[in-house]
Amino acid sequence: MDFKELYSKYQSDIIKHTKELVSINSVCVENEVVDGITYKFGIGCKKALDYVLDLASKMGFKTKNIENVCGHVEYGSGDEIFAVLCHVDVVPAIGDWTKDPFECYEKDGLLYGRGTSDDKGPAIASLYALKCLKDLGFEPKKRIRLIYGTDEETGSRGLKRYLEVEENPVYGISPDADFPIIYGEKGILSMDIIGKNNSCIKCSGGARYNIVAPSVTFTCCDKLKEKIKDNKKVILEDGMFKVLGKSAHAMEPDNGLNAIKEMASILNEYTDSNLIHFINDKLMNSRCKLMGLDCTDPEMGDLTMNLGLIEMNDDVRLGLNFRYPKNLNYDKFISEFKRQANEYGLDIKVITNSTYHYIDPKSDYIQKLYKSYTKYTNDFTLPFTIGGGTYARDLKCGVAYGVLFPWDTEMAHETNEFINIESLIKAGVILTDAIYEMTKDKNF
C-alpha cells in the first residue's frame, strides 16, 4: 500500500495545526500557579496537551488526559499496544530570533518557530498518520496509541508517570530525532560542580543543562574591570559585562559556541577563582580529554560534555551535561571526576542519570521499520546511534524514528528553529506506512 497521495492531501491542515501548536508557549515552568490552580509543568504545557487531544477528539479518536502531564490518542483494538511517542513542550527560545519564536511562519518552504522540528511539527504529522489509517477504515490488530508528553526536555517525568499508571506499549517509535532509525541512545548524565566563590566575580549564564550556553553576564571588581575593558568579546550593557556564544544541542556541543568557556578563557589569567581555573584547565575539551576521561565506543561514538549553566555568587554552581556510550565505566568516571574537582576546592553533585538505551539493529522490528523508510526515500543510509535522548529510551523496545532526514539541517534547540515542509510531509507518509506495517498483524 502506498500512502503518499492520501497523506499529502492533508498538507495545508498539517501546516495550519503546526502553526497553532507552535503559537502556544510550552516551555516548562515548574509548578506554575494560575488563578489558584497549580500546573506541574506550567499552564503552557497543559494548553499544548489540550490542543492535540482536542484536535484528535474532533477527528473521532478516543483520548485520555493523565494528570495534565501526559495524554494519549487511541485507535483500534487488540491485546498489545504499538505507540508513537511525541512531546509538546519546548526548550526556551533564547538567542537573537528574527521574529517572535512563538509566531510560526512559513518562508521558502520552511516553517519557522520554536518547536517546529522538536517536536510539534512531528506531533501533528503523527496525528495525521493515524487519521489517514482511520480514513481508510484500517482495522489494526494492535491498539495504536499516540502518546503526548509535556516535559521531555526537562526529564520526561510526564511519560514516566504515564507508564506508571497506564498499560505499557510493547513496541514504540519516537519521531523526535533522525531517519532512518536510531537504535541506540547514549546515557545522559547531568552534574553540578559546586563550591564557595573565592573571587570578586558574580555571574549568571546559560539556559539549561542540555543547551550550549548562549550567553553569560557578570560583574567584577574594579581591578579586573580594568584588565578586560578593551576585550572585544566582552560587551558592557547596563552596568553588566556580557559574553555571547551560540546555542546548540548538548549532544554535540562543538556545534555551538559556549559562552561559559569564552568567559573563563577571558578571565582566567586575571582571577584567583577556583571555578574559572577548573573550567579553563579541565573543561575546555568537549570529550573530557583534558581530564583523561575520554571514552568512545564503535557504535555509540564519543563521550561528550556540555557546560550548560553557571552561577557565581557567595557559592558557585556549574551545570554540566554528559552523553556517554555504553562502554563507559560510570562509577570510575564519577570517582575520578570528583577527585579532580576536589583538587580545585570544588565538589560534584549528580543531578540525574539515565543509562544508555540499545536495541539490536538486526532485529525483525528494526528491519520492518527500515523497509518503510527505504520504500519512500530509496535511501539506504544505515540505522545508527545518537547522543540525544528521546522518549524511545523509556520503552524496553522503543526506537527514535525520524523526522530529520540525512540531507536535512538539524535545528533542534537552535535560534530560528525551522523544519522543511516537504520533509515533514514525507516523514508523515513514512510514519503512516510504519504504523500500518507494525499493526496489521498480531505478530509482525
Protein backbone atom coordinates (compact mmCIF):
# COMPACT_ATOMS: atom_id res chain seq x y z
CA MET A 1 0.00 0.00 0.00
CA ASP A 2 1.24 3.48 -0.92
CA PHE A 3 0.16 6.27 1.45
CA LYS A 4 1.81 9.20 -0.32
CA GLU A 5 -1.22 10.51 -2.23
CA LEU A 6 -3.65 10.22 0.68
CA TYR A 7 -1.34 11.77 3.26
CA SER A 8 -0.26 14.65 1.02
CA LYS A 9 -3.88 15.84 0.80
CA TYR A 10 -3.56 16.97 4.41
CA GLN A 11 -0.52 19.19 3.90
CA SER A 12 -2.33 22.51 4.41
CA ASP A 13 -4.05 21.15 7.55
CA ILE A 14 -0.75 19.90 8.95
CA ILE A 15 0.85 23.31 8.39
CA LYS A 16 -2.13 25.10 9.95
CA HIS A 17 -2.20 22.96 13.09
CA THR A 18 1.57 23.03 13.48
CA LYS A 19 1.43 26.83 13.43
CA GLU A 20 -1.32 26.86 16.03
CA LEU A 21 0.52 24.43 18.30
CA VAL A 22 3.79 26.37 17.98
CA SER A 23 1.94 29.55 18.99
CA ILE A 24 1.45 28.05 22.47
CA ASN A 25 4.49 28.87 24.60
CA SER A 26 5.04 25.50 26.24
CA VAL A 27 8.41 25.99 27.90
CA CYS A 28 8.27 24.08 31.18
CA VAL A 29 7.53 26.22 34.24
CA GLU A 30 7.73 24.11 37.39
CA ASN A 31 4.53 24.13 39.47
CA GLU A 32 3.18 27.30 37.89
CA VAL A 33 0.15 28.71 39.74
CA VAL A 34 -2.52 30.41 37.63
CA ASP A 35 -5.84 31.53 39.13
CA GLY A 36 -5.20 29.37 42.17
CA ILE A 37 -4.54 26.22 40.14
CA THR A 38 -1.09 24.58 40.13
CA TYR A 39 0.16 23.19 36.82
CA LYS A 40 3.02 20.79 37.38
CA PHE A 41 4.92 21.79 34.23
CA GLY A 42 3.21 25.12 33.60
CA ILE A 43 -0.05 26.22 32.04
CA GLY A 44 1.60 26.47 28.61
CA CYS A 45 2.41 22.75 28.60
CA LYS A 46 -1.13 21.97 29.74
CA LYS A 47 -2.59 24.11 26.93
CA ALA A 48 -0.39 22.40 24.34
CA LEU A 49 -1.51 18.97 25.57
CA ASP A 50 -5.14 20.08 25.48
CA TYR A 51 -4.66 21.32 21.92
CA VAL A 52 -3.51 17.98 20.47
CA LEU A 53 -6.05 15.95 22.45
CA ASP A 54 -8.90 18.26 21.40
CA LEU A 55 -7.80 18.08 17.76
CA ALA A 56 -7.69 14.29 17.91
CA SER A 57 -11.09 14.16 19.58
CA LYS A 58 -12.57 16.22 16.74
CA MET A 59 -11.16 13.63 14.33
CA GLY A 60 -13.13 10.96 16.14
CA PHE A 61 -10.37 9.36 18.20
CA LYS A 62 -10.58 8.27 21.82
CA THR A 63 -8.36 10.46 24.01
CA LYS A 64 -7.24 10.49 27.62
CA ASN A 65 -5.51 13.15 29.72
CA ILE A 66 -3.35 11.77 32.53
CA GLU A 67 -2.99 14.37 35.30
CA ASN A 68 -2.25 17.14 32.77
CA VAL A 69 1.28 15.78 32.36
CA CYS A 70 0.71 13.28 29.57
CA GLY A 71 -2.06 12.03 27.33
CA HIS A 72 -2.86 9.61 24.58
CA VAL A 73 -4.88 9.22 21.40
CA GLU A 74 -6.04 5.65 20.78
CA TYR A 75 -7.21 3.80 17.70
CA GLY A 76 -8.03 0.16 17.08
CA SER A 77 -8.22 -2.89 19.30
CA GLY A 78 -6.00 -5.75 20.35
CA ASP A 79 -4.11 -7.12 23.31
CA GLU A 80 -0.89 -5.25 22.59
CA ILE A 81 -0.13 -1.56 22.15
CA PHE A 82 2.07 0.00 19.49
CA ALA A 83 2.97 3.56 20.49
CA VAL A 84 4.12 6.71 18.77
CA LEU A 85 5.70 8.94 21.39
CA CYS A 86 5.80 12.71 20.90
CA HIS A 87 6.18 15.72 23.16
CA VAL A 88 4.57 19.15 23.15
CA ASP A 89 6.96 21.00 25.44
CA VAL A 90 9.88 23.01 24.05
CA VAL A 91 13.20 24.40 25.23
CA PRO A 92 13.43 28.16 25.96
CA ALA A 93 13.55 30.40 22.90
CA ILE A 94 16.85 32.03 23.73
CA GLY A 95 19.07 33.87 21.29
CA ASP A 96 18.52 36.55 18.69
CA TRP A 97 15.46 35.38 16.75
CA THR A 98 14.47 37.07 13.50
CA LYS A 99 10.82 37.02 14.57
CA ASP A 100 8.75 36.05 17.60
CA PRO A 101 9.68 32.36 18.15
CA PHE A 102 6.08 31.55 19.10
CA GLU A 103 4.62 33.13 15.98
CA CYS A 104 5.16 30.34 13.48
CA TYR A 105 5.55 31.47 9.89
CA GLU A 106 6.27 29.95 6.51
CA LYS A 107 9.09 31.10 4.23
CA ASP A 108 10.80 29.45 1.25
CA GLY A 109 9.31 26.04 2.00
CA LEU A 110 10.28 26.15 5.67
CA LEU A 111 8.23 26.52 8.85
CA TYR A 112 9.95 28.69 11.45
CA GLY A 113 9.27 28.75 15.18
CA ARG A 114 10.26 27.14 18.46
CA GLY A 115 9.17 23.53 18.32
CA THR A 116 8.58 23.24 14.58
CA SER A 117 11.09 20.40 14.40
CA ASP A 118 11.36 19.48 18.10
CA ASP A 119 8.70 18.17 18.42
CA LYS A 120 5.46 19.94 17.49
CA GLY A 121 5.67 19.50 13.72
CA PRO A 122 6.26 15.75 14.15
CA ALA A 123 3.50 15.58 16.79
CA ILE A 124 0.96 16.93 14.30
CA ALA A 125 2.35 14.81 11.45
CA SER A 126 1.92 11.69 13.61
CA LEU A 127 -1.70 12.52 14.34
CA TYR A 128 -2.42 12.84 10.63
CA ALA A 129 -0.75 9.47 10.04
CA LEU A 130 -3.38 7.98 12.32
CA LYS A 131 -6.13 9.93 10.57
CA CYS A 132 -5.06 8.50 7.20
CA LEU A 133 -5.39 4.97 8.54
CA LYS A 134 -8.78 5.78 10.06
CA ASP A 135 -9.98 7.32 6.77
CA LEU A 136 -9.11 4.05 5.03
CA GLY A 137 -11.12 2.06 7.54
CA PHE A 138 -7.98 0.20 8.59
CA GLU A 139 -8.56 -2.19 11.50
CA PRO A 140 -5.24 -2.71 13.30
CA LYS A 141 -4.55 -5.93 15.18
CA LYS A 142 -2.80 -3.94 17.90
CA ARG A 143 -4.05 -0.83 19.63
CA ILE A 144 -2.28 2.24 18.31
CA ARG A 145 -1.56 4.98 20.80
CA LEU A 146 -0.10 8.38 20.12
CA ILE A 147 1.34 9.35 23.49
CA TYR A 148 1.99 13.06 24.08
CA GLY A 149 4.22 14.17 26.94
CA THR A 150 4.76 17.62 28.41
CA ASP A 151 8.27 17.66 29.87
CA GLU A 152 10.52 15.65 27.57
CA GLU A 153 13.05 18.50 27.65
CA THR A 154 13.20 18.53 31.46
CA GLY A 155 13.39 14.89 32.47
CA SER A 156 10.47 13.05 30.83
CA ARG A 157 8.64 12.88 34.16
CA GLY A 158 5.26 13.10 32.44
CA LEU A 159 5.91 9.98 30.37
CA LYS A 160 7.34 8.17 33.38
CA ARG A 161 4.12 8.93 35.25
CA TYR A 162 2.11 7.70 32.26
CA LEU A 163 3.97 4.40 32.24
CA GLU A 164 3.30 4.01 35.97
CA VAL A 165 -0.48 4.31 35.67
CA GLU A 166 -1.25 3.15 32.11
CA GLU A 167 -0.75 -0.10 30.24
CA ASN A 168 2.72 -0.10 28.70
CA PRO A 169 3.30 -0.40 24.93
CA VAL A 170 5.07 -3.49 23.63
CA TYR A 171 6.74 -1.55 20.82
CA GLY A 172 7.10 2.12 20.08
CA ILE A 173 8.67 4.77 17.90
CA SER A 174 9.52 8.36 18.71
CA PRO A 175 9.56 10.80 15.76
CA ASP A 176 11.85 13.16 17.65
CA ALA A 177 15.25 12.65 16.05
CA ASP A 178 16.60 11.27 12.78
CA PHE A 179 15.83 8.86 9.97
CA PRO A 180 16.35 6.13 9.09
CA ILE A 181 16.30 4.63 12.64
CA ILE A 182 18.13 5.32 15.87
CA TYR A 183 18.58 2.00 17.62
CA GLY A 184 20.77 3.28 20.45
CA GLU A 185 20.95 6.38 22.63
CA LYS A 186 23.83 7.34 24.87
CA GLY A 187 23.46 7.60 28.61
CA ILE A 188 22.62 11.11 29.81
CA LEU A 189 24.18 12.48 32.98
CA SER A 190 23.62 15.93 34.47
CA MET A 191 26.01 17.08 37.17
CA ASP A 192 26.70 20.23 39.18
CA ILE A 193 30.16 21.44 40.13
CA ILE A 194 29.68 23.22 43.45
CA GLY A 195 31.76 25.16 45.94
CA LYS A 196 32.47 28.54 47.52
CA ASN A 197 33.21 31.62 45.46
CA ASN A 198 36.75 32.78 46.28
CA SER A 199 36.74 35.68 43.80
CA CYS A 200 35.09 39.04 43.09
CA ILE A 201 33.26 37.64 40.07
CA LYS A 202 29.47 37.41 40.24
CA CYS A 203 27.85 35.83 37.23
CA SER A 204 24.87 34.05 35.78
CA GLY A 205 24.54 32.36 32.42
CA GLY A 206 23.26 29.58 30.26
CA ALA A 207 19.74 28.25 29.82
CA ARG A 208 19.60 24.52 30.58
CA TYR A 209 21.90 21.55 31.05
CA ASN A 210 21.07 20.28 27.56
CA ILE A 211 21.77 23.53 25.70
CA VAL A 212 25.18 25.02 24.90
CA ALA A 213 25.29 28.23 26.97
CA PRO A 214 24.47 31.12 24.60
CA SER A 215 25.38 33.99 26.95
CA VAL A 216 26.80 34.89 30.36
CA THR A 217 26.53 38.15 32.28
CA PHE A 218 28.91 39.07 35.09
CA THR A 219 30.24 41.79 37.36
CA CYS A 220 33.65 42.03 38.95
CA CYS A 221 35.92 44.31 40.97
CA ASP A 222 37.48 47.46 39.50
CA LYS A 223 40.92 45.87 39.18
CA LEU A 224 39.52 43.10 37.00
CA LYS A 225 37.35 45.52 35.04
CA GLU A 226 40.44 47.44 34.05
CA LYS A 227 42.06 44.27 32.69
CA ILE A 228 39.17 43.27 30.45
CA LYS A 229 37.66 46.60 29.40
CA ASP A 230 39.27 46.52 25.94
CA ASN A 231 38.49 42.88 25.18
CA LYS A 232 36.29 42.82 22.09
CA LYS A 233 34.49 39.67 23.23
CA VAL A 234 33.13 41.45 26.30
CA ILE A 235 30.09 43.71 25.97
CA LEU A 236 29.26 46.34 28.62
CA GLU A 237 25.48 46.53 28.93
CA ASP A 238 23.53 48.31 31.72
CA GLY A 239 26.49 48.14 34.06
CA MET A 240 26.99 44.40 33.46
CA PHE A 241 29.54 42.63 31.33
CA LYS A 242 28.19 40.15 28.80
CA VAL A 243 29.84 37.40 26.78
CA LEU A 244 27.94 35.90 23.86
CA GLY A 245 28.08 32.40 22.41
CA LYS A 246 25.86 30.34 20.15
CA SER A 247 23.38 27.76 21.41
CA ALA A 248 23.30 24.17 20.17
CA HIS A 249 22.06 20.80 21.39
CA ALA A 250 24.17 19.30 24.18
CA MET A 251 24.52 16.01 22.29
CA GLU A 252 27.14 17.72 20.11
CA PRO A 253 28.39 20.78 21.98
CA ASP A 254 31.03 21.58 19.38
CA ASN A 255 28.22 22.68 17.05
CA GLY A 256 27.79 25.76 19.24
CA LEU A 257 29.98 28.38 20.88
CA ASN A 258 29.89 28.11 24.66
CA ALA A 259 29.71 31.48 26.40
CA ILE A 260 30.81 29.97 29.72
CA LYS A 261 34.03 28.72 28.15
CA GLU A 262 34.52 32.06 26.44
CA MET A 263 34.17 33.91 29.75
CA ALA A 264 36.56 31.53 31.50
CA SER A 265 39.23 31.98 28.85
CA ILE A 266 38.92 35.77 29.11
CA LEU A 267 39.08 35.93 32.92
CA ASN A 268 41.44 33.05 33.66
CA GLU A 269 44.76 34.91 33.81
CA TYR A 270 43.32 37.79 35.86
CA THR A 271 41.49 35.97 38.65
CA ASP A 272 42.09 33.54 41.50
CA SER A 273 38.66 31.94 41.01
CA ASN A 274 38.96 28.19 41.54
CA LEU A 275 35.94 27.56 39.29
CA ILE A 276 37.27 29.69 36.43
CA HIS A 277 40.62 27.90 36.65
CA PHE A 278 38.92 24.49 36.75
CA ILE A 279 36.92 25.33 33.62
CA ASN A 280 39.97 26.62 31.81
CA ASP A 281 42.28 23.79 32.86
CA LYS A 282 39.91 20.83 32.69
CA LEU A 283 36.66 21.52 30.84
CA MET A 284 37.55 23.20 27.57
CA ASN A 285 37.59 19.96 25.59
CA SER A 286 34.10 18.56 24.96
CA ARG A 287 35.42 14.97 25.04
CA CYS A 288 36.92 15.28 28.57
CA LYS A 289 40.41 14.72 27.17
CA LEU A 290 41.92 17.36 29.46
CA MET A 291 40.81 15.24 32.41
CA GLY A 292 41.93 11.98 30.85
CA LEU A 293 38.31 10.79 30.99
CA ASP A 294 37.62 10.50 27.28
CA CYS A 295 35.75 7.39 26.19
CA THR A 296 34.49 6.12 22.85
CA ASP A 297 32.53 3.17 21.50
CA PRO A 298 32.46 1.79 17.93
CA GLU A 299 28.65 2.05 17.74
CA MET A 300 27.85 4.97 20.02
CA GLY A 301 30.87 7.20 19.48
CA ASP A 302 32.45 9.62 21.95
CA LEU A 303 31.51 10.69 25.43
CA THR A 304 30.65 14.40 25.20
CA MET A 305 30.38 17.14 27.82
CA ASN A 306 28.40 20.37 27.69
CA LEU A 307 28.65 23.38 30.00
CA GLY A 308 25.03 24.44 30.29
CA LEU A 309 24.58 26.66 33.35
CA ILE A 310 26.69 28.80 35.66
CA GLU A 311 26.01 30.81 38.82
CA MET A 312 28.63 32.59 40.89
CA ASN A 313 27.54 34.49 43.99
CA ASP A 314 28.63 33.52 47.51
CA ASP A 315 28.61 29.96 46.22
CA VAL A 316 29.34 28.65 42.73
CA ARG A 317 27.43 26.17 40.61
CA LEU A 318 28.34 24.94 37.15
CA GLY A 319 25.82 22.67 35.43
CA LEU A 320 27.29 20.02 33.13
CA ASN A 321 25.58 17.58 30.79
CA PHE A 322 27.29 14.40 29.57
CA ARG A 323 26.27 11.97 26.83
CA TYR A 324 28.13 8.71 27.37
CA PRO A 325 28.46 5.46 25.35
CA LYS A 326 27.57 2.01 26.61
CA ASN A 327 31.14 1.02 27.45
CA LEU A 328 31.75 3.81 30.00
CA ASN A 329 32.68 2.65 33.49
CA TYR A 330 30.23 5.01 35.21
CA ASP A 331 31.39 4.59 38.82
CA LYS A 332 35.05 5.04 37.90
CA PHE A 333 34.18 8.13 35.82
CA ILE A 334 32.29 9.77 38.70
CA SER A 335 35.02 8.96 41.21
CA GLU A 336 37.80 10.40 39.06
CA PHE A 337 35.80 13.50 38.12
CA LYS A 338 35.17 14.14 41.81
CA ARG A 339 38.84 13.67 42.66
CA GLN A 340 39.95 16.23 40.11
CA ALA A 341 37.28 18.73 41.16
CA ASN A 342 38.39 18.35 44.77
CA GLU A 343 41.91 19.41 43.78
CA TYR A 344 40.40 22.84 42.98
CA GLY A 345 38.41 23.02 46.22
CA LEU A 346 35.23 22.03 44.39
CA ASP A 347 32.83 19.14 44.67
CA ILE A 348 30.31 17.44 42.39
CA LYS A 349 26.62 16.60 42.72
CA VAL A 350 24.90 14.19 40.33
CA ILE A 351 21.50 15.63 39.39
CA THR A 352 20.14 12.99 37.05
CA ASN A 353 21.48 9.91 35.29
CA SER A 354 19.66 7.97 32.59
CA THR A 355 21.56 4.92 31.40
CA TYR A 356 22.07 4.12 27.72
CA HIS A 357 19.38 2.52 25.54
CA TYR A 358 20.11 -0.12 22.92
CA ILE A 359 18.08 -2.32 20.54
CA ASP A 360 19.68 -4.97 18.30
CA PRO A 361 19.87 -3.35 14.84
CA LYS A 362 19.48 -6.77 13.19
CA SER A 363 16.12 -7.47 14.87
CA ASP A 364 12.97 -8.01 12.80
CA TYR A 365 11.50 -4.91 14.43
CA ILE A 366 14.26 -2.64 13.17
CA GLN A 367 14.24 -4.25 9.73
CA LYS A 368 10.50 -3.70 9.29
CA LEU A 369 10.79 0.00 10.17
CA TYR A 370 13.78 0.32 7.87
CA LYS A 371 11.77 -1.11 4.97
CA SER A 372 9.09 1.59 5.39
CA TYR A 373 11.82 4.23 5.29
CA THR A 374 13.58 2.96 2.16
CA LYS A 375 10.26 2.42 0.37
CA TYR A 376 9.61 6.18 0.19
CA THR A 377 13.16 7.52 0.01
CA ASN A 378 15.26 4.99 -1.93
CA ASP A 379 17.91 5.98 0.59
CA PHE A 380 19.92 3.23 2.23
CA THR A 381 21.67 5.14 4.98
CA LEU A 382 22.19 2.63 7.78
CA PRO A 383 20.49 2.87 11.19
CA PHE A 384 22.72 4.43 13.83
CA THR A 385 23.02 5.67 17.42
CA ILE A 386 22.91 9.20 18.84
CA GLY A 387 23.90 11.25 21.84
CA GLY A 388 20.45 12.77 22.16
CA GLY A 389 17.73 11.39 24.36
CA THR A 390 14.19 10.66 23.19
CA TYR A 391 11.11 9.08 24.70
CA ALA A 392 12.16 5.83 22.99
CA ARG A 393 14.58 5.12 25.83
CA ASP A 394 11.66 4.83 28.28
CA LEU A 395 10.32 1.78 26.43
CA LYS A 396 12.01 -1.60 26.52
CA CYS A 397 11.56 -1.89 22.76
CA GLY A 398 11.41 1.71 21.57
CA VAL A 399 13.44 3.46 18.88
CA ALA A 400 13.68 7.00 17.57
CA TYR A 401 12.33 7.15 14.03
CA GLY A 402 12.62 10.43 12.13
CA VAL A 403 11.69 13.02 11.33
CA LEU A 404 15.00 14.58 10.27
CA PHE A 405 16.34 13.11 7.02
CA PRO A 406 20.08 12.65 6.40
CA TRP A 407 20.02 15.60 3.99
CA ASP A 408 18.14 18.00 6.32
CA THR A 409 19.65 20.65 8.60
CA GLU A 410 19.45 19.92 12.34
CA MET A 411 17.75 22.88 14.06
CA ALA A 412 16.55 21.39 17.37
CA HIS A 413 17.26 23.75 20.28
CA GLU A 414 18.70 26.38 17.95
CA THR A 415 17.80 30.00 17.30
CA ASN A 416 15.42 30.42 14.35
CA GLU A 417 14.45 26.75 14.53
CA PHE A 418 12.72 25.50 11.40
CA ILE A 419 11.51 22.38 9.64
CA ASN A 420 11.37 21.72 5.92
CA ILE A 421 7.70 21.31 4.96
CA GLU A 422 8.41 18.81 2.19
CA SER A 423 10.44 16.70 4.61
CA LEU A 424 7.72 16.89 7.26
CA ILE A 425 5.12 15.58 4.81
CA LYS A 426 7.43 12.81 3.57
CA ALA A 427 8.11 11.87 7.19
CA GLY A 428 4.38 11.67 7.80
CA VAL A 429 3.96 9.29 4.89
CA ILE A 430 6.72 7.04 6.26
CA LEU A 431 5.18 7.13 9.74
CA THR A 432 1.81 6.12 8.29
CA ASP A 433 3.38 3.18 6.48
CA ALA A 434 5.39 2.09 9.52
CA ILE A 435 2.37 2.20 11.84
CA TYR A 436 0.38 0.20 9.30
CA GLU A 437 3.08 -2.45 8.89
CA MET A 438 3.62 -2.78 12.63
CA THR A 439 -0.07 -3.22 13.46
CA LYS A 440 -1.71 -5.02 10.52
CA ASP A 441 -0.88 -8.42 12.00
CA LYS A 442 -0.95 -9.68 15.57
CA ASN A 443 2.60 -10.90 15.17
CA PHE A 444 4.71 -8.92 12.73
